[in-house]
Amino acid sequence: MRRTSKLFASVVTLGLAAATFLASSPAFAAGADPAFIERDKWLGIAAALAIGLTGLGGALGQGRAAGAALEGIARNPQASGKIFVPMIVGLALIESLVIYGLLIAFQLSGKIG
């Protein structure tokens, strides 16, 4: 009995959330200048490319860096201490570039509308 009441509560909550989102969009609908619509389209595409390409590049870079470090450790297990710390620093720098891409995407999406 308890499981069905939890399931029912979650379904009702999901239904109310969906109804709220669907009902609120006509309230904010208004006519806009076609030039702004064209600009917003390109800003949206630029934001999507910014986060997509930085995510792809970061994932490829981290994969190659970790793979090379693990291969080096596998060939010479005594050098694992000398390889591990620079690998972590390199992974952190790669991840910071992805975060910069995320910030650029946020800035571009903030200009939409």
C-alpha atoms as a PDB file:
ATOM      1  CA  MET A   1       0.000   0.000   0.000  1.00  0.00           C
ATOM      2  CA  ARG A   2       2.805   2.361   0.835  1.00  0.00           C
ATOM      3  CA  ARG A   3       4.571   1.787  -2.486  1.00  0.00           C
ATOM      4  CA  THR A   4       1.464   2.614  -4.517  1.00  0.00           C
ATOM      5  CA  SER A   5       0.881   5.819  -2.561  1.00  0.00           C
ATOM      6  CA  LYS A   6       4.468   6.936  -3.282  1.00  0.00           C
ATOM      7  CA  LEU A   7       4.011   6.058  -6.933  1.00  0.00           C
ATOM      8  CA  PHE A   8       0.715   7.943  -7.068  1.00  0.00           C
ATOM      9  CA  ALA A   9       2.263  10.996  -5.403  1.00  0.00           C
ATOM     10  CA  SER A  10       5.155  11.051  -7.845  1.00  0.00           C
ATOM     11  CA  VAL A  11       2.828  10.697 -10.850  1.00  0.00           C
ATOM     12  CA  VAL A  12       0.609  13.523  -9.575  1.00  0.00           C
ATOM     13  CA  THR A  13       3.647  15.732  -8.957  1.00  0.00           C
ATOM     14  CA  LEU A  14       4.991  15.015 -12.432  1.00  0.00           C
ATOM     15  CA  GLY A  15       1.591  15.747 -13.967  1.00  0.00           C
ATOM     16  CA  LEU A  16       1.296  19.059 -12.118  1.00  0.00           C
ATOM     17  CA  ALA A  17       4.797  20.071 -13.185  1.00  0.00           C
ATOM     18  CA  ALA A  18       4.044  19.232 -16.825  1.00  0.00           C
ATOM     19  CA  ALA A  19       0.761  21.133 -16.695  1.00  0.00           C
ATOM     20  CA  THR A  20       2.507  24.166 -15.212  1.00  0.00           C
ATOM     21  CA  PHE A  21       5.188  24.200 -17.897  1.00  0.00           C
ATOM     22  CA  LEU A  22       2.694  23.721 -20.709  1.00  0.00           C
ATOM     23  CA  ALA A  23       0.320  26.403 -19.420  1.00  0.00           C
ATOM     24  CA  SER A  24       2.996  29.034 -18.834  1.00  0.00           C
ATOM     25  CA  SER A  25       4.364  29.211 -22.373  1.00  0.00           C
ATOM     26  CA  PRO A  26       1.343  30.975 -23.941  1.00  0.00           C
ATOM     27  CA  ALA A  27       1.454  33.559 -21.159  1.00  0.00           C
ATOM     28  CA  PHE A  28       4.886  34.736 -22.258  1.00  0.00           C
ATOM     29  CA  ALA A  29       4.264  34.558 -25.997  1.00  0.00           C
ATOM     30  CA  ALA A  30       4.633  37.926 -27.677  1.00  0.00           C
ATOM     31  CA  GLY A  31       5.550  39.253 -31.073  1.00  0.00           C
ATOM     32  CA  ALA A  32       9.229  39.943 -31.619  1.00  0.00           C
ATOM     33  CA  ASP A  33      11.344  41.762 -34.136  1.00  0.00           C
ATOM     34  CA  PRO A  34      12.493  39.387 -36.925  1.00  0.00           C
ATOM     35  CA  ALA A  35      16.048  40.716 -36.647  1.00  0.00           C
ATOM     36  CA  PHE A  36      16.198  39.641 -32.992  1.00  0.00           C
ATOM     37  CA  ILE A  37      14.788  36.235 -33.860  1.00  0.00           C
ATOM     38  CA  GLU A  38      17.521  35.757 -36.487  1.00  0.00           C
ATOM     39  CA  ARG A  39      20.216  36.898 -34.060  1.00  0.00           C
ATOM     40  CA  ASP A  40      18.872  34.683 -31.277  1.00  0.00           C
ATOM     41  CA  LYS A  41      18.939  31.678 -33.592  1.00  0.00           C
ATOM     42  CA  TRP A  42      22.631  32.155 -34.297  1.00  0.00           C
ATOM     43  CA  LEU A  43      23.424  32.839 -30.644  1.00  0.00           C
ATOM     44  CA  GLY A  44      21.719  29.576 -29.693  1.00  0.00           C
ATOM     45  CA  ILE A  45      23.692  27.650 -32.298  1.00  0.00           C
ATOM     46  CA  ALA A  46      26.927  29.306 -31.122  1.00  0.00           C
ATOM     47  CA  ALA A  47      26.203  28.406 -27.494  1.00  0.00           C
ATOM     48  CA  ALA A  48      25.467  24.798 -28.450  1.00  0.00           C
ATOM     49  CA  LEU A  49      28.664  24.558 -30.485  1.00  0.00           C
ATOM     50  CA  ALA A  50      30.710  26.147 -27.690  1.00  0.00           C
ATOM     51  CA  ILE A  51      29.713  23.573 -25.104  1.00  0.00           C
ATOM     52  CA  GLY A  52      29.586  20.685 -27.577  1.00  0.00           C
ATOM     53  CA  LEU A  53      33.032  21.176 -29.052  1.00  0.00           C
ATOM     54  CA  THR A  54      34.716  21.892 -25.738  1.00  0.00           C
ATOM     55  CA  GLY A  55      33.076  18.828 -24.212  1.00  0.00           C
ATOM     56  CA  LEU A  56      34.172  16.658 -27.118  1.00  0.00           C
ATOM     57  CA  GLY A  57      37.708  18.034 -27.114  1.00  0.00           C
ATOM     58  CA  GLY A  58      38.011  17.727 -23.360  1.00  0.00           C
ATOM     59  CA  ALA A  59      36.792  14.140 -23.381  1.00  0.00           C
ATOM     60  CA  LEU A  60      39.206  13.167 -26.144  1.00  0.00           C
ATOM     61  CA  GLY A  61      42.096  14.949 -24.430  1.00  0.00           C
ATOM     62  CA  GLN A  62      41.411  13.396 -21.048  1.00  0.00           C
ATOM     63  CA  GLY A  63      41.060   9.963 -22.591  1.00  0.00           C
ATOM     64  CA  ARG A  64      44.359  10.220 -24.397  1.00  0.00           C
ATOM     65  CA  ALA A  65      46.158  11.664 -21.360  1.00  0.00           C
ATOM     66  CA  ALA A  66      44.856   8.972 -19.016  1.00  0.00           C
ATOM     67  CA  GLY A  67      45.588   6.248 -21.555  1.00  0.00           C
ATOM     68  CA  ALA A  68      49.153   7.432 -22.049  1.00  0.00           C
ATOM     69  CA  ALA A  69      49.703   7.702 -18.296  1.00  0.00           C
ATOM     70  CA  LEU A  70      48.336   4.215 -17.666  1.00  0.00           C
ATOM     71  CA  GLU A  71      50.469   2.817 -20.468  1.00  0.00           C
ATOM     72  CA  GLY A  72      53.537   4.444 -18.933  1.00  0.00           C
ATOM     73  CA  ILE A  73      52.679   3.030 -15.512  1.00  0.00           C
ATOM     74  CA  ALA A  74      52.109  -0.411 -17.032  1.00  0.00           C
ATOM     75  CA  ARG A  75      55.524  -0.349 -18.699  1.00  0.00           C
ATOM     76  CA  ASN A  76      57.324   0.922 -15.612  1.00  0.00           C
ATOM     77  CA  PRO A  77      55.355   0.424 -12.370  1.00  0.00           C
ATOM     78  CA  GLN A  78      58.096   2.077 -10.277  1.00  0.00           C
ATOM     79  CA  ALA A  79      57.458   5.397 -12.070  1.00  0.00           C
ATOM     80  CA  SER A  80      53.790   5.537 -11.081  1.00  0.00           C
ATOM     81  CA  GLY A  81      54.471   8.236  -8.456  1.00  0.00           C
ATOM     82  CA  LYS A  82      56.235  10.414 -11.012  1.00  0.00           C
ATOM     83  CA  ILE A  83      53.503   9.935 -13.623  1.00  0.00           C
ATOM     84  CA  PHE A  84      50.390  10.203 -11.441  1.00  0.00           C
ATOM     85  CA  VAL A  85      50.723  13.800 -10.194  1.00  0.00           C
ATOM     86  CA  PRO A  86      51.480  15.389 -13.599  1.00  0.00           C
ATOM     87  CA  MET A  87      48.591  13.378 -15.073  1.00  0.00           C
ATOM     88  CA  ILE A  88      46.166  14.784 -12.481  1.00  0.00           C
ATOM     89  CA  VAL A  89      47.429  18.333 -13.113  1.00  0.00           C
ATOM     90  CA  GLY A  90      47.035  17.833 -16.863  1.00  0.00           C
ATOM     91  CA  LEU A  91      43.500  16.468 -16.436  1.00  0.00           C
ATOM     92  CA  ALA A  92      42.604  19.478 -14.262  1.00  0.00           C
ATOM     93  CA  LEU A  93      43.899  21.874 -16.923  1.00  0.00           C
ATOM     94  CA  ILE A  94      41.946  20.069 -19.640  1.00  0.00           C
ATOM     95  CA  GLU A  95      38.804  20.249 -17.502  1.00  0.00           C
ATOM     96  CA  SER A  96      39.339  23.981 -16.937  1.00  0.00           C
ATOM     97  CA  LEU A  97      39.198  24.520 -20.695  1.00  0.00           C
ATOM     98  CA  VAL A  98      35.854  22.707 -20.775  1.00  0.00           C
ATOM     99  CA  ILE A  99      34.597  24.953 -17.975  1.00  0.00           C
ATOM    100  CA  TYR A 100      35.660  28.007 -20.005  1.00  0.00           C
ATOM    101  CA  GLY A 101      33.559  26.676 -22.876  1.00  0.00           C
ATOM    102  CA  LEU A 102      30.630  26.275 -20.488  1.00  0.00           C
ATOM    103  CA  LEU A 103      31.017  29.876 -19.320  1.00  0.00           C
ATOM    104  CA  ILE A 104      31.089  31.103 -22.924  1.00  0.00           C
ATOM    105  CA  ALA A 105      27.946  29.100 -23.671  1.00  0.00           C
ATOM    106  CA  PHE A 106      26.224  30.635 -20.631  1.00  0.00           C
ATOM    107  CA  GLN A 107      27.206  34.140 -21.743  1.00  0.00           C
ATOM    108  CA  LEU A 108      25.905  33.542 -25.265  1.00  0.00           C
ATOM    109  CA  SER A 109      22.648  32.053 -24.025  1.00  0.00           C
ATOM    110  CA  GLY A 110      22.227  35.018 -21.683  1.00  0.00           C
ATOM    111  CA  LYS A 111      22.137  37.334 -24.698  1.00  0.00           C
ATOM    112  CA  ILE A 112      19.195  35.462 -26.218  1.00  0.00           C
ATOM    113  CA  GLY A 113      15.874  37.159 -25.824  1.00  0.00           C
END
